C-alpha cells in the first residue's frame, strides 16, 4: 500500500498550539518576521509549562506540502536534538521519547572524594579510646588545637596544684619572712608561683629563681614524675600534630579526574573511559587505578542488597592499571562479557541509576606516604558517543600539556546498541565471511586434487627416470617436494580445464 504524501501535515514536528474548537477564540499566530523564541504553552489540564526550542520557520513550498522523505528526515533530526526538559512536573524527556524522574541522586562518593556516609547509633564508643592516637589524628583542626592546648594546660595546672599543696602542708607559706626556714621550693609564695614553677619544670625552661631544695624528698619524687609525664605528653601531642600536618590528604587535591566519563569505540570495542592527571611536578610513585560500580540489586532469592559494589576491570589482567602518571592519561574499561555494562545500551543507560567510583592510589614521592584520590560518575555523567580531546603537543625540546582541554570531549560515531548486540553482529559478519571464503576455497581445492590425480601417474615415471626427487601419494592425493613446479603445472591445467568447462 503506497503512502500518500498528503497524509502528513505541513506543520513542523515541534510542539504546536492546540486547535481551537467551536465557540473558542482563535489563537493569535506569531508574525513570520519575528525571530525564533521559546514557545511556552500553558495547559490547564497538565498544570505545568512546557518549554521547547523551535527551529526557525521554513519557507513554504509551492504546493505547501512536504514529501515523505522530508518528513522522515525531520523526524530523525528531531530525535537527534538535545533532551527536552519539562518544567514543573519533575520529569525529564530523553532523546528516545520516554520520561524519567528528574531528581538529584544522592552520591555515595562526592566529586571531591569525600564519602557521603554518616555512622549513627554507635553504642560501643569505647573502641575509639582504645586507639586514641588515630582518634586525635582524625579530628578536625579546631578540635585538634583544643585538645593540644588543653593537654598542656591541664598538666601544668595539675602539677602546679600539687606543688602548692606541698608548700601549704609543710608550712612554707607561713614562714615566708623567716630566713632560717628551708622551704621545699624557694620563692614559692602562692598558687601562681607554684603554677609558674610547674611550667618551668615540665618545659625545662629553668629560669633559676625558683628551685627545689634537698630538704624535700616528696618534692624530688614529684619532680621526677612530672619530668617523665611531661616528656610523654610532648611526644604524644607533637606526634599527633606532625602526622596531622603531614597527612597526604591535601596531596590528593592536585590529582584531578575528568568531569565526565565517555563511552565510545576503541579498537572496534565499546569502552568506558575517563581521564586522570597530576598537577604537580613531583610524581606519584607506584600509582594504581581501581574502579567500582555502586548499584543496588536484588538476588534471585529476593534479597535486596543496597549499594552493592561490583569491580570494574581497568587492566588488572594486563597490568594497565599500574600507571606512570607523568602526563594526563585516559583510563579505559573494555566492555566485555565480564563487564557489568555488557547488556547496557544507550537507551538503557538513560534509565539506569548507578554510580561509578574511581580510586587512584600511590605513594607521594616527596614524603613517602600513601595517597588516595577518589571521584565518582553518575549515570547522567556518562556521555555516550564521546571521546576526549587531545591535550598534549610537541614543543621545542619538551611535551606541552594543555590542561584547558582536560575536561573537553567531542562526539564520534558510536552505535547505540549494547556491547552484547555489537559482538553478535560482528560474529555473524565473521561467520558469513568465513563460510563464503571457505566454500570457494574447497571448490578450487577439489578441482586441483582431481587434476593432480590424473597427471600424477605420468609425472611419477618421468621424474624417477630423470633422477628427480620422487613424489608420494597418500590417500589418492599427490604431494610433491618440488611444490613450485607442480603448483605451476596444476595451476595451468586447472585454468585450462576451467576455461574448457566454461
Protein backbone atom coordinates (compact mmCIF):
# COMPACT_ATOMS: atom_id res chain seq x y z
CA UNK A 1 0.00 0.00 0.00
CA UNK A 2 1.54 3.24 -1.11
CA UNK A 3 1.81 6.13 1.32
CA UNK A 4 0.15 9.37 0.34
CA UNK A 5 2.19 12.49 1.00
CA UNK A 6 -0.97 14.41 1.81
CA UNK A 7 -1.44 12.28 4.94
CA UNK A 8 1.27 14.26 6.72
CA UNK A 9 0.67 17.75 7.96
CA UNK A 10 2.88 20.57 6.82
CA UNK A 11 3.39 21.94 10.35
CA UNK A 12 6.78 21.27 11.97
CA UNK A 13 7.33 18.35 14.33
CA UNK A 14 7.91 20.60 17.33
CA UNK A 15 5.25 21.32 19.91
CA UNK A 16 2.29 23.17 18.36
CA UNK A 17 -0.54 25.12 19.91
CA UNK A 18 -3.90 23.37 20.48
CA UNK A 19 -6.52 23.75 17.77
CA UNK A 20 -9.39 25.90 18.98
CA UNK A 21 -12.81 24.25 18.96
CA UNK A 22 -16.10 25.82 18.11
CA UNK A 23 -17.02 28.65 20.37
CA UNK A 24 -13.43 29.33 21.38
CA UNK A 25 -11.40 32.31 20.38
CA UNK A 26 -8.74 31.67 17.73
CA UNK A 27 -5.15 31.66 18.85
CA UNK A 28 -3.04 34.51 17.53
CA UNK A 29 -0.12 33.38 15.42
CA UNK A 30 3.31 34.90 15.78
CA UNK A 31 4.45 37.10 12.87
CA UNK A 32 6.63 35.42 10.31
CA UNK A 33 9.38 38.01 10.59
CA UNK A 34 9.77 37.55 14.32
CA UNK A 35 12.98 35.80 15.47
CA UNK A 36 12.68 32.24 16.80
CA UNK A 37 11.94 32.15 20.51
CA UNK A 38 10.97 29.56 23.10
CA UNK A 39 7.31 28.61 22.78
CA UNK A 40 5.53 28.32 26.12
CA UNK A 41 2.19 26.52 26.15
CA UNK A 42 0.16 26.81 29.32
CA UNK A 43 -2.08 23.79 29.75
CA UNK A 44 -4.75 23.82 32.44
CA UNK A 45 -5.10 20.05 32.27
CA UNK A 46 -1.39 19.32 32.78
CA UNK A 47 -0.80 22.14 35.23
CA UNK A 48 2.75 22.96 34.11
CA UNK A 49 4.62 24.89 31.47
CA UNK A 50 6.35 23.16 28.58
CA UNK A 51 9.34 24.94 27.09
CA UNK A 52 10.94 23.74 23.87
CA UNK A 53 13.33 25.17 21.38
CA UNK A 54 11.76 25.55 17.94
CA UNK A 55 13.62 25.86 14.71
CA UNK A 56 13.14 28.99 12.55
CA UNK A 57 10.11 28.73 10.25
CA UNK A 58 10.89 27.30 6.84
CA UNK A 59 9.69 28.85 3.66
CA UNK A 60 6.54 27.11 2.37
CA UNK A 61 6.93 25.19 -0.84
CA UNK A 62 4.92 25.80 -3.98
CA UNK A 63 2.33 23.17 -3.13
CA UNK A 64 2.67 23.88 0.65
CA UNK A 65 3.28 20.17 1.31
CA UNK A 66 6.30 18.10 2.39
CA UNK A 67 7.31 14.83 0.83
CA UNK A 68 7.52 11.59 2.75
CA UNK A 69 11.34 11.62 2.67
CA UNK A 70 11.41 15.15 4.06
CA UNK A 71 9.08 14.11 6.87
CA UNK A 72 11.29 11.17 7.82
CA UNK A 73 14.38 13.40 7.76
CA UNK A 74 12.64 15.92 10.01
CA UNK A 75 11.69 13.22 12.48
CA UNK A 76 15.24 11.89 12.58
CA UNK A 77 16.60 15.41 13.10
CA UNK A 78 14.14 15.93 15.93
CA UNK A 79 15.25 12.67 17.59
CA UNK A 80 18.87 13.84 17.50
CA UNK A 81 18.04 17.14 19.19
CA UNK A 82 19.11 17.70 22.83
CA UNK A 83 16.88 16.38 25.57
CA UNK A 84 13.69 18.29 26.20
CA UNK A 85 13.02 19.28 29.78
CA UNK A 86 9.58 19.50 31.32
CA UNK A 87 9.45 22.25 33.91
CA UNK A 88 7.25 21.90 36.93
CA UNK A 89 6.47 18.20 36.56
CA UNK A 90 9.71 16.79 37.99
CA UNK A 91 10.35 14.72 34.84
CA UNK A 92 12.84 14.84 32.02
CA UNK A 93 12.28 13.65 28.46
CA UNK A 94 15.15 11.75 26.88
CA UNK A 95 16.02 11.66 23.21
CA UNK A 96 14.39 8.22 22.94
CA UNK A 97 10.98 9.60 23.94
CA UNK A 98 10.33 8.29 27.45
CA UNK A 99 10.22 10.37 30.58
CA UNK A 100 12.37 9.72 33.60
CA UNK A 101 12.21 11.28 37.03
CA UNK A 102 14.37 14.34 37.32
CA UNK A 103 15.67 14.03 40.85
CA UNK A 104 19.03 14.70 42.35
CA UNK A 105 20.56 11.34 43.13
CA UNK A 106 22.38 11.07 46.42
CA UNK A 107 26.03 10.39 45.75
CA UNK A 108 27.89 7.66 47.55
CA UNK A 109 31.21 9.43 46.90
CA UNK A 110 31.33 13.14 46.16
CA UNK A 111 33.26 14.58 43.23
CA UNK A 112 35.96 15.82 45.62
CA UNK A 113 36.42 12.29 47.02
CA UNK A 114 34.53 12.71 50.29
CA UNK A 115 32.48 9.64 51.21
CA UNK A 116 28.90 10.70 51.86
CA UNK A 117 28.27 8.25 54.70
CA UNK A 118 27.47 9.06 58.32
CA UNK A 119 27.55 6.48 61.11
CA UNK A 120 24.80 6.65 63.69
CA UNK A 121 23.52 4.78 66.75
CA UNK A 122 27.00 3.60 67.69
CA UNK A 123 26.88 2.23 71.22
CA UNK A 124 30.43 0.90 71.55
CA UNK A 125 32.11 4.29 71.65
CA UNK A 126 34.81 2.99 73.97
CA UNK A 127 36.51 1.50 70.92
CA UNK A 128 37.60 4.99 69.90
CA UNK A 129 39.53 5.35 73.16
CA UNK A 130 41.45 2.15 72.55
CA UNK A 131 43.03 3.85 69.52
CA UNK A 132 43.31 7.35 70.93
CA UNK A 133 46.16 8.32 68.60
CA UNK A 134 44.14 7.68 65.42
CA UNK A 135 41.12 9.32 67.03
CA UNK A 136 43.07 12.51 67.67
CA UNK A 137 44.52 12.50 64.17
CA UNK A 138 41.08 12.08 62.61
CA UNK A 139 39.67 15.08 64.47
CA UNK A 140 39.22 18.34 62.63
CA UNK A 141 41.69 21.14 63.18
CA UNK A 142 39.54 23.04 65.64
CA UNK A 143 39.18 20.04 67.94
CA UNK A 144 42.82 19.07 67.50
CA UNK A 145 44.07 22.51 68.54
CA UNK A 146 41.71 22.50 71.51
CA UNK A 147 42.99 19.09 72.66
CA UNK A 148 46.58 20.21 72.11
CA UNK A 149 46.19 23.30 74.29
CA UNK A 150 44.18 21.56 76.97
CA UNK A 151 46.69 18.70 77.28
CA UNK A 152 49.46 21.09 78.31
CA UNK A 153 47.23 23.40 80.37
CA UNK A 154 45.75 20.55 82.42
CA UNK A 155 49.14 19.00 83.23
CA UNK A 156 50.59 22.38 84.22
CA UNK A 157 47.62 23.16 86.46
CA UNK A 158 47.60 19.67 87.94
CA UNK A 159 51.27 19.67 88.96
CA UNK A 160 51.07 23.34 89.97
CA UNK A 161 48.28 22.46 92.39
CA UNK A 162 50.38 19.62 93.81
CA UNK A 163 53.39 21.93 94.33
CA UNK A 164 51.15 24.42 96.08
CA UNK A 165 49.67 21.68 98.25
CA UNK A 166 53.16 20.51 99.30
CA UNK A 167 54.15 24.06 100.24
CA UNK A 168 50.93 24.53 102.17
CA UNK A 169 51.22 21.23 104.07
CA UNK A 170 54.86 21.79 105.02
CA UNK A 171 54.14 25.31 106.29
CA UNK A 172 56.33 27.05 103.74
CA UNK A 173 53.66 29.69 103.20
CA UNK A 174 53.71 30.59 106.94
CA UNK A 175 57.49 31.12 107.00
CA UNK A 176 57.95 33.37 104.03
CA UNK A 177 59.84 36.01 106.03
CA UNK A 178 61.84 33.51 108.09
CA UNK A 179 65.39 33.34 106.70
CA UNK A 180 66.27 30.29 108.81
CA UNK A 181 63.43 28.25 107.30
CA UNK A 182 64.29 25.93 104.38
CA UNK A 183 61.24 25.53 102.10
CA UNK A 184 60.61 22.71 99.63
CA UNK A 185 60.81 25.12 96.68
CA UNK A 186 62.42 28.51 97.07
CA UNK A 187 60.40 31.63 96.22
CA UNK A 188 57.03 29.82 96.08
CA UNK A 189 54.67 32.13 97.98
CA UNK A 190 51.30 31.21 96.45
CA UNK A 191 49.40 29.27 93.77
CA UNK A 192 50.60 31.50 90.91
CA UNK A 193 54.24 30.98 91.80
CA UNK A 194 53.65 27.22 92.14
CA UNK A 195 51.96 27.17 88.71
CA UNK A 196 54.93 29.01 87.14
CA UNK A 197 57.33 26.54 88.73
CA UNK A 198 55.31 23.67 87.24
CA UNK A 199 55.61 25.23 83.76
CA UNK A 200 59.36 25.73 84.16
CA UNK A 201 59.80 22.14 85.29
CA UNK A 202 57.77 20.50 82.52
CA UNK A 203 59.13 22.64 79.71
CA UNK A 204 62.71 22.50 81.14
CA UNK A 205 63.00 26.28 80.97
CA UNK A 206 64.64 26.76 84.39
CA UNK A 207 64.95 30.49 84.97
CA UNK A 208 66.90 29.85 88.21
CA UNK A 209 64.74 31.94 90.55
CA UNK A 210 62.53 29.09 91.78
CA UNK A 211 64.42 25.93 92.58
CA UNK A 212 63.77 22.80 94.62
CA UNK A 213 65.87 22.17 97.71
CA UNK A 214 67.36 18.97 99.08
CA UNK A 215 65.27 19.14 102.24
CA UNK A 216 62.09 17.90 100.49
CA UNK A 217 62.14 14.22 99.37
CA UNK A 218 58.46 14.41 98.36
CA UNK A 219 59.27 17.29 96.03
CA UNK A 220 62.11 15.31 94.49
CA UNK A 221 59.82 12.41 93.67
CA UNK A 222 57.22 14.78 92.23
CA UNK A 223 59.90 16.47 90.09
CA UNK A 224 60.91 13.13 88.55
CA UNK A 225 57.30 12.18 87.90
CA UNK A 226 56.49 15.50 86.23
CA UNK A 227 59.58 15.31 84.03
CA UNK A 228 58.65 11.82 82.79
CA UNK A 229 54.98 12.58 82.22
CA UNK A 230 55.84 15.90 80.57
CA UNK A 231 58.10 14.12 78.07
CA UNK A 232 55.32 11.65 77.27
CA UNK A 233 52.79 14.44 76.73
CA UNK A 234 55.22 16.27 74.48
CA UNK A 235 55.93 13.17 72.39
CA UNK A 236 52.24 12.28 72.07
CA UNK A 237 50.89 15.69 71.19
CA UNK A 238 53.76 16.73 68.92
CA UNK A 239 53.49 13.37 67.15
CA UNK A 240 49.76 13.86 66.59
CA UNK A 241 50.26 17.33 65.18
CA UNK A 242 53.12 16.20 62.94
CA UNK A 243 51.10 13.31 61.49
CA UNK A 244 48.09 15.55 61.00
CA UNK A 245 50.14 18.20 59.22
CA UNK A 246 51.94 15.69 57.00
CA UNK A 247 48.77 13.80 56.01
CA UNK A 248 48.64 13.33 52.21
CA UNK A 249 45.00 14.40 52.01
CA UNK A 250 45.95 17.74 50.51
CA UNK A 251 48.18 15.96 48.00
CA UNK A 252 45.05 14.39 46.57
CA UNK A 253 43.75 17.87 45.76
CA UNK A 254 46.25 18.07 42.89
CA UNK A 255 45.14 14.71 41.45
CA UNK A 256 42.25 15.57 39.13
CA UNK A 257 39.65 13.46 37.35
CA UNK A 258 37.64 14.42 34.30
CA UNK A 259 34.23 15.94 34.89
CA UNK A 260 32.52 13.29 32.74
CA UNK A 261 33.23 9.76 31.60
CA UNK A 262 32.67 8.73 27.98
CA UNK A 263 31.61 5.57 26.16
CA UNK A 264 32.82 5.08 22.61
CA UNK A 265 34.52 2.58 20.34
CA UNK A 266 38.18 1.75 20.76
CA UNK A 267 39.62 -0.97 18.52
CA UNK A 268 36.08 -1.91 17.45
CA UNK A 269 35.00 -2.50 21.07
CA UNK A 270 32.86 -0.37 23.35
CA UNK A 271 34.92 1.11 26.18
CA UNK A 272 34.14 3.21 29.23
CA UNK A 273 36.85 5.86 29.57
CA UNK A 274 37.74 8.68 31.95
CA UNK A 275 40.79 10.91 32.30
CA UNK A 276 43.10 11.40 35.27
CA UNK A 277 46.00 13.82 35.71
CA UNK A 278 48.55 15.10 38.22
CA UNK A 279 49.05 18.86 38.52
CA UNK A 280 52.32 18.67 40.45
CA UNK A 281 55.79 18.14 39.04
CA UNK A 282 56.58 15.65 41.85
CA UNK A 283 55.15 12.33 40.77
CA UNK A 284 53.07 9.63 42.40
CA UNK A 285 55.21 6.52 42.76
CA UNK A 286 53.52 3.20 42.07
CA UNK A 287 50.20 4.71 41.01
CA UNK A 288 47.41 2.16 40.85
CA UNK A 289 43.88 2.66 39.50
CA UNK A 290 40.70 0.88 40.61
CA UNK A 291 37.02 1.32 39.77
CA UNK A 292 33.80 0.15 41.41
CA UNK A 293 30.18 0.09 40.27
CA UNK A 294 27.79 1.12 43.06
CA UNK A 295 24.28 -0.13 42.30
CA UNK A 296 21.51 -1.69 44.34
CA UNK A 297 20.35 -5.11 43.22
CA UNK A 298 18.00 -7.92 44.18
CA UNK A 299 19.13 -11.54 44.24
CA UNK A 300 17.21 -14.47 42.80
CA UNK A 301 16.11 -15.40 46.32
CA UNK A 302 14.52 -11.98 46.79
CA UNK A 303 17.23 -10.44 48.96
CA UNK A 304 17.72 -6.72 48.36
CA UNK A 305 21.34 -5.54 48.52
CA UNK A 306 21.59 -1.75 48.73
CA UNK A 307 24.63 -0.09 47.16
CA UNK A 308 26.20 -3.33 46.00
CA UNK A 309 29.82 -2.96 44.87
CA UNK A 310 30.96 -4.61 41.64
CA UNK A 311 34.54 -4.50 40.45
CA UNK A 312 35.21 -2.81 37.10
CA UNK A 313 38.36 -4.01 35.41
CA UNK A 314 40.67 -1.25 34.19
CA UNK A 315 43.51 -3.51 33.10
CA UNK A 316 44.33 -5.66 36.11
CA UNK A 317 44.98 -8.74 33.96
CA UNK A 318 47.26 -6.90 31.55
CA UNK A 319 48.91 -4.55 34.05
CA UNK A 320 47.35 -1.42 32.54
CA UNK A 321 46.03 -0.42 35.98
CA UNK A 322 49.61 0.42 37.07
CA UNK A 323 50.18 3.96 35.85
CA UNK A 324 53.19 6.11 35.07
CA UNK A 325 51.37 9.33 35.82
CA UNK A 326 53.67 11.94 34.30
CA UNK A 327 51.09 13.36 31.91
CA UNK A 328 47.26 13.02 31.87
CA UNK A 329 46.11 9.51 30.95
CA UNK A 330 42.82 8.14 29.66
CA UNK A 331 41.82 5.07 31.68
CA UNK A 332 39.83 2.57 29.62
CA UNK A 333 37.48 -0.21 30.70
CA UNK A 334 36.69 -2.63 27.90
CA UNK A 335 33.03 -3.64 28.00
CA UNK A 336 33.22 -7.40 27.54
CA UNK A 337 31.34 -10.42 28.87
CA UNK A 338 32.66 -9.90 32.41
CA UNK A 339 31.74 -6.20 32.43
CA UNK A 340 28.60 -5.06 34.28
CA UNK A 341 27.80 -2.87 31.24
CA UNK A 342 27.71 -5.85 28.83
CA UNK A 343 23.93 -5.65 28.27
CA UNK A 344 23.58 -1.88 28.62
CA UNK A 345 22.70 0.14 25.54
CA UNK A 346 22.42 3.88 25.09
CA UNK A 347 18.68 3.78 25.66
CA UNK A 348 19.03 1.71 28.81
CA UNK A 349 21.82 3.94 30.13
CA UNK A 350 19.43 6.88 30.33
CA UNK A 351 17.08 4.85 32.55
CA UNK A 352 19.71 3.34 34.84
CA UNK A 353 20.55 4.60 38.31
CA UNK A 354 24.09 3.76 39.38
CA UNK A 355 27.41 5.32 40.31
CA UNK A 356 30.93 4.55 39.14
CA UNK A 357 33.58 5.22 41.80
CA UNK A 358 37.20 5.57 40.63
CA UNK A 359 40.13 5.35 43.06
CA UNK A 360 43.75 6.33 42.42
CA UNK A 361 46.34 5.15 44.94
CA UNK A 362 50.05 5.76 45.10
CA UNK A 363 52.98 6.89 47.21
CA UNK A 364 53.91 10.55 47.42
CA UNK A 365 57.42 10.98 46.09
CA UNK A 366 58.30 13.83 48.46
CA UNK A 367 57.12 12.28 51.76
CA UNK A 368 56.87 8.54 51.02
CA UNK A 369 53.32 8.37 52.41
CA UNK A 370 50.45 6.63 50.66
CA UNK A 371 47.95 8.92 48.98
CA UNK A 372 44.46 8.12 47.69
CA UNK A 373 42.31 10.25 45.40
CA UNK A 374 38.66 9.43 44.68
CA UNK A 375 35.89 10.63 42.43
CA UNK A 376 32.61 9.31 41.04
CA UNK A 377 30.40 9.46 37.96
CA UNK A 378 26.63 9.17 37.95
CA UNK A 379 24.68 7.63 35.08
CA UNK A 380 23.90 11.05 33.59
CA UNK A 381 27.60 11.94 33.70
CA UNK A 382 28.46 9.14 31.25
CA UNK A 383 28.48 10.60 27.74
CA UNK A 384 27.65 8.03 25.10
CA UNK A 385 29.37 8.55 21.76
CA UNK A 386 32.00 10.99 23.00
CA UNK A 387 35.78 10.97 23.09
CA UNK A 388 38.32 13.05 25.00
CA UNK A 389 40.10 15.79 23.12
CA UNK A 390 43.90 15.53 22.83
CA UNK A 391 45.76 17.89 25.13
CA UNK A 392 49.46 17.14 24.52
CA UNK A 393 51.56 18.81 21.84
CA UNK A 394 55.22 18.56 20.95
CA UNK A 395 57.04 21.80 21.68
CA UNK A 396 60.69 22.65 21.17
CA UNK A 397 62.55 20.22 23.43
CA UNK A 398 59.62 19.12 25.59
CA UNK A 399 55.98 17.98 25.57
CA UNK A 400 53.42 20.67 26.32
CA UNK A 401 50.24 19.66 28.18
CA UNK A 402 47.24 21.98 27.88
CA UNK A 403 45.04 21.44 30.94
CA UNK A 404 42.45 23.75 29.44
CA UNK A 405 41.23 20.79 27.37
CA UNK A 406 41.31 18.32 30.26
CA UNK A 407 37.51 18.06 30.55
CA UNK A 408 36.70 18.68 26.89
CA UNK A 409 35.07 15.94 24.81
CA UNK A 410 33.73 15.72 21.27
CA UNK A 411 31.15 13.49 19.61
CA UNK A 412 32.13 10.49 17.49
CA UNK A 413 30.15 7.87 15.58
CA UNK A 414 29.19 5.17 18.09
CA UNK A 415 26.49 2.51 17.79
CA UNK A 416 23.62 2.86 20.24
CA UNK A 417 23.32 -0.87 20.86
CA UNK A 418 24.86 -2.74 23.76
CA UNK A 419 28.23 -4.46 23.66
CA UNK A 420 26.48 -7.86 23.52
CA UNK A 421 24.50 -6.89 20.43
CA UNK A 422 27.59 -5.40 18.83
CA UNK A 423 29.53 -8.63 19.44
CA UNK A 424 26.70 -10.71 17.96
CA UNK A 425 26.65 -8.58 14.81
CA UNK A 426 30.42 -8.87 14.46
CA UNK A 427 30.25 -12.64 14.98
CA UNK A 428 27.60 -13.01 12.29
CA UNK A 429 29.65 -10.98 9.84
CA UNK A 430 32.75 -13.06 10.59
CA UNK A 431 30.81 -16.31 10.22
CA UNK A 432 29.32 -15.24 6.90
CA UNK A 433 32.71 -14.18 5.61
CA UNK A 434 34.34 -17.43 6.81
CA UNK A 435 31.79 -19.72 5.18
CA UNK A 436 31.72 -17.78 1.94
CA UNK A 437 35.52 -17.87 1.59
CA UNK A 438 35.91 -21.47 2.76
CA UNK A 439 33.29 -22.76 0.31
CA UNK A 440 35.09 -21.17 -2.60
CA UNK A 441 38.44 -22.49 -1.43
CA UNK A 442 37.02 -26.02 -1.07
CA UNK A 443 35.72 -25.97 -4.63
CA UNK A 444 39.09 -24.89 -6.01
CA UNK A 445 40.93 -27.46 -3.84
CA UNK A 446 38.89 -30.41 -5.07
CA UNK A 447 39.32 -29.32 -8.65
CA UNK A 448 43.11 -29.16 -8.18
CA UNK A 449 43.16 -32.59 -6.48
CA UNK A 450 41.27 -34.25 -9.34
CA UNK A 451 43.62 -32.78 -11.89
CA UNK A 452 46.64 -33.85 -9.80
CA UNK A 453 45.41 -37.48 -9.67
CA UNK A 454 45.03 -37.56 -13.45
CA UNK A 455 48.50 -36.18 -14.16
CA UNK A 456 50.26 -37.83 -11.18
CA UNK A 457 50.92 -41.20 -12.88
CA UNK A 458 52.74 -39.73 -15.87
CA UNK A 459 54.79 -37.29 -13.82
CA UNK A 460 55.93 -40.02 -11.37
CA UNK A 461 57.53 -42.19 -14.05
CA UNK A 462 59.21 -39.29 -15.78
CA UNK A 463 60.57 -37.79 -12.57
CA UNK A 464 62.08 -41.10 -11.39
CA UNK A 465 63.60 -41.79 -14.78
CA UNK A 466 65.28 -38.36 -14.94
CA UNK A 467 66.66 -38.63 -11.36
CA UNK A 468 64.38 -36.00 -9.82
CA UNK A 469 63.02 -36.19 -6.36
CA UNK A 470 60.19 -38.72 -6.02
CA UNK A 471 56.56 -37.86 -5.26
CA UNK A 472 54.44 -39.55 -2.63
CA UNK A 473 50.74 -40.28 -2.93
CA UNK A 474 48.74 -40.52 0.30
CA UNK A 475 45.05 -41.41 0.06
CA UNK A 476 44.88 -40.61 -3.60
CA UNK A 477 46.38 -37.11 -3.08
CA UNK A 478 49.78 -36.42 -4.66
CA UNK A 479 52.31 -34.49 -2.58
CA UNK A 480 55.47 -33.35 -4.36
CA UNK A 481 58.62 -31.99 -2.83
CA UNK A 482 59.10 -29.60 -5.66
CA UNK A 483 55.97 -27.58 -4.92
CA UNK A 484 56.72 -24.66 -7.13
CA UNK A 485 56.90 -26.64 -10.39
CA UNK A 486 53.89 -28.81 -9.67
CA UNK A 487 51.94 -25.79 -8.43
CA UNK A 488 52.55 -24.04 -11.70
CA UNK A 489 51.57 -27.16 -13.64
CA UNK A 490 48.44 -27.72 -11.60
CA UNK A 491 47.54 -24.08 -11.82
CA UNK A 492 47.92 -24.06 -15.56
CA UNK A 493 45.96 -27.27 -16.02
CA UNK A 494 43.22 -26.10 -13.67
CA UNK A 495 42.97 -22.84 -15.53
CA UNK A 496 42.74 -24.62 -18.91
CA UNK A 497 40.14 -27.05 -17.67
CA UNK A 498 38.07 -24.34 -16.05
CA UNK A 499 38.13 -22.40 -19.31
CA UNK A 500 37.11 -25.54 -21.27
CA UNK A 501 34.32 -26.27 -18.80
CA UNK A 502 33.16 -22.70 -19.12
